[in-house]
Amino acid sequence: MTTLLRVLLAILVALASLGAISEGVRQEGVSDDEIRIGNLMPYSGGLSIFGAIGKAEAAYFEMLNQRGGINGRKVRFISYDDKSDPASALNLTRTLVEEDKVLLMFGSFGTPGNFAVRKYLNERQIPQLFVASGDDHLSDPSLFPWTMGWQPSFREEGRIYANYIQAFYPGKRIVALWQNDYFGREVIKGMEDGLGPVARMIRVGIAYDLRDEHLDTHVSILKRSGAEILVFAGVPENAAKVIRLAASLDWRPVVIMNQMASSIGDGLKPAGLENAVGVTTAAYLKDADDPAWKDDQSGADWQSFLENYRRAGGTDESAAMFGFAAAETLAQVLRQCGNDLSRENVMKQAAALKDYQGSVLLPGIKISTGPWNFRPIKHMRLVQFDGRTWQPIGDVLETAFAGTDK
C-alpha cells in the first residue's frame, strides 16, 4: 500500500510539473502583472519620419498603464529601431521573441520588414498583429493565420480616387506624383486599375524619392502638361511643398492626396491654408487639427493623449492619431481575452471584433473581423478641405476587401 501511495504521489507531482510547464509555455510573454508586446519602427534611417508612430504607441500604453493597465496587467511595450531594413527586422524580431519573450508582435512599420518576419512568426504561432502597412498580402489568413493587417489597403485607396475622378471630373487630364516606394506605387497602381481604359488621361507620372530636393522641377513639369487634376501620394512634409509650389506657379489643379499626407497640421497649414482649399482625400481617422472635433464628447482620451504627446515633444499629429488608434484596437483585443492570454486566444479575439468604434475613427468607420476577414478597417470616406475643416463628400465607402467576416 505504501508503495502504491508513493507511485500515485509521484504521478501527481509529475502531472503538476507538466501542467506548470504547459502553463508557462502557454502564457509566455505574460505574468500576473505584465503583458510584453514587441514592436519595430524606423527610428533612424531614411524613413525615420515614421518612427513617430512608435513613439505615439509608447505614449498610449504609458497612459493606459497609469490608469491601471488591461485587466490588472501593465503593458510593457518593447520597441526597437530596425532602420527599415528587412534583415535587421528579422534579427530584432528573433530577439524580441527569444530573449525578451514577448507575447506578440504589434504594429511594426513597413511592408518589407513585415514580409521578412512573417514566416518566422507564423511557424512559431506568434501573433503578428495590426501591422502598419496597407499591403493586401499581409491580411491573408488562408496562408498566414498569425498575421493580421489593420489599416485600409493602399491599392483600394487608389481605386477610391479613381472612382471619384470618373464621377466628378470625367474627361479631365490627370498627372501623378508619388513617393517611389512600395506604398506610393501601390496607391498609384490602385488608381490606374480603377481608371481602367481612362488611365490614358494620366498625362505625366513622376516617382520621387522621400528626400528628393527637386520637387520644384517635378511640379513645373506637371504644370506644363496642362493637367486639371493632380494626384499626390507621399508624406505630409512633401505634400505641403507640392501644394505651395503649385500655388507659386499660379497652377490650381484639383488636388487629390493620400490620407497619410492630408493632416491639417502637418500637411495643409505649412502649405498655406488658402492654397489647400479644395484638397480631397479618403480618410478613416479624425484629424487632430480639425475644429470639427474640438468639442468631441467621445474624444476625451485622445485629446488628453495629444496634450501629453505634444508636451513630450511630439510634433507629427497624423502619426500620433494613427498610433493611438492602432494601440487602442490592440487594447480592445487584450480586454476581450480576459485572463486567457494564450497566443491562440489573442488571435481568436483579434478575429472577433464586431463593429468596434475606436475613439479616433471617423463616424461610420467601424472595425469588424472574422476567421477569414483579416482586414480590420475596410471603409473610408471622401472628404474635402474648405480652408478650415474637412467636409464629407457622400457616404462611407466600402472597399473590395469588406468581404465576409464569417
Foldseek 3Di string as FASTA:
>chain_A
DVVVVVVVVVVVVVVVVVVVVVVCVQQFQDDPAEHEEEEEEACDADVVVLVLLVVLLVLLLVVCVVVQHFLNHRYDYHYDHQNPDQVSLQVVVCCCCVPVRHQAYFAYEDDSNCVSCQVVCQVVLHANPAYHAQDPVQPFCVVRVRGFHEAHHLLLQLLVVLVVCCVPPPPFAEEEEEEPDPSRVSSPNSVCVNNDVPNVSHQYYYYDHQPDPVLLVVLVVVVVSVTQEYEYEDAQQVLLVSLLSCVVVVHQHQYEYEARNPACQRHCVSNPLVSQARYKYWAFFARPQAVVCVVPPLCPSVVVSVVVCVVVPDDRVSSSRVSNQRSVLLSVLSNVCNPSSGSVSSSVSLQAADQDDGSGTDPPFGFHHASRQRHGTFWIFMWGRRSRHTHTDDDIDGTPSPDDSD
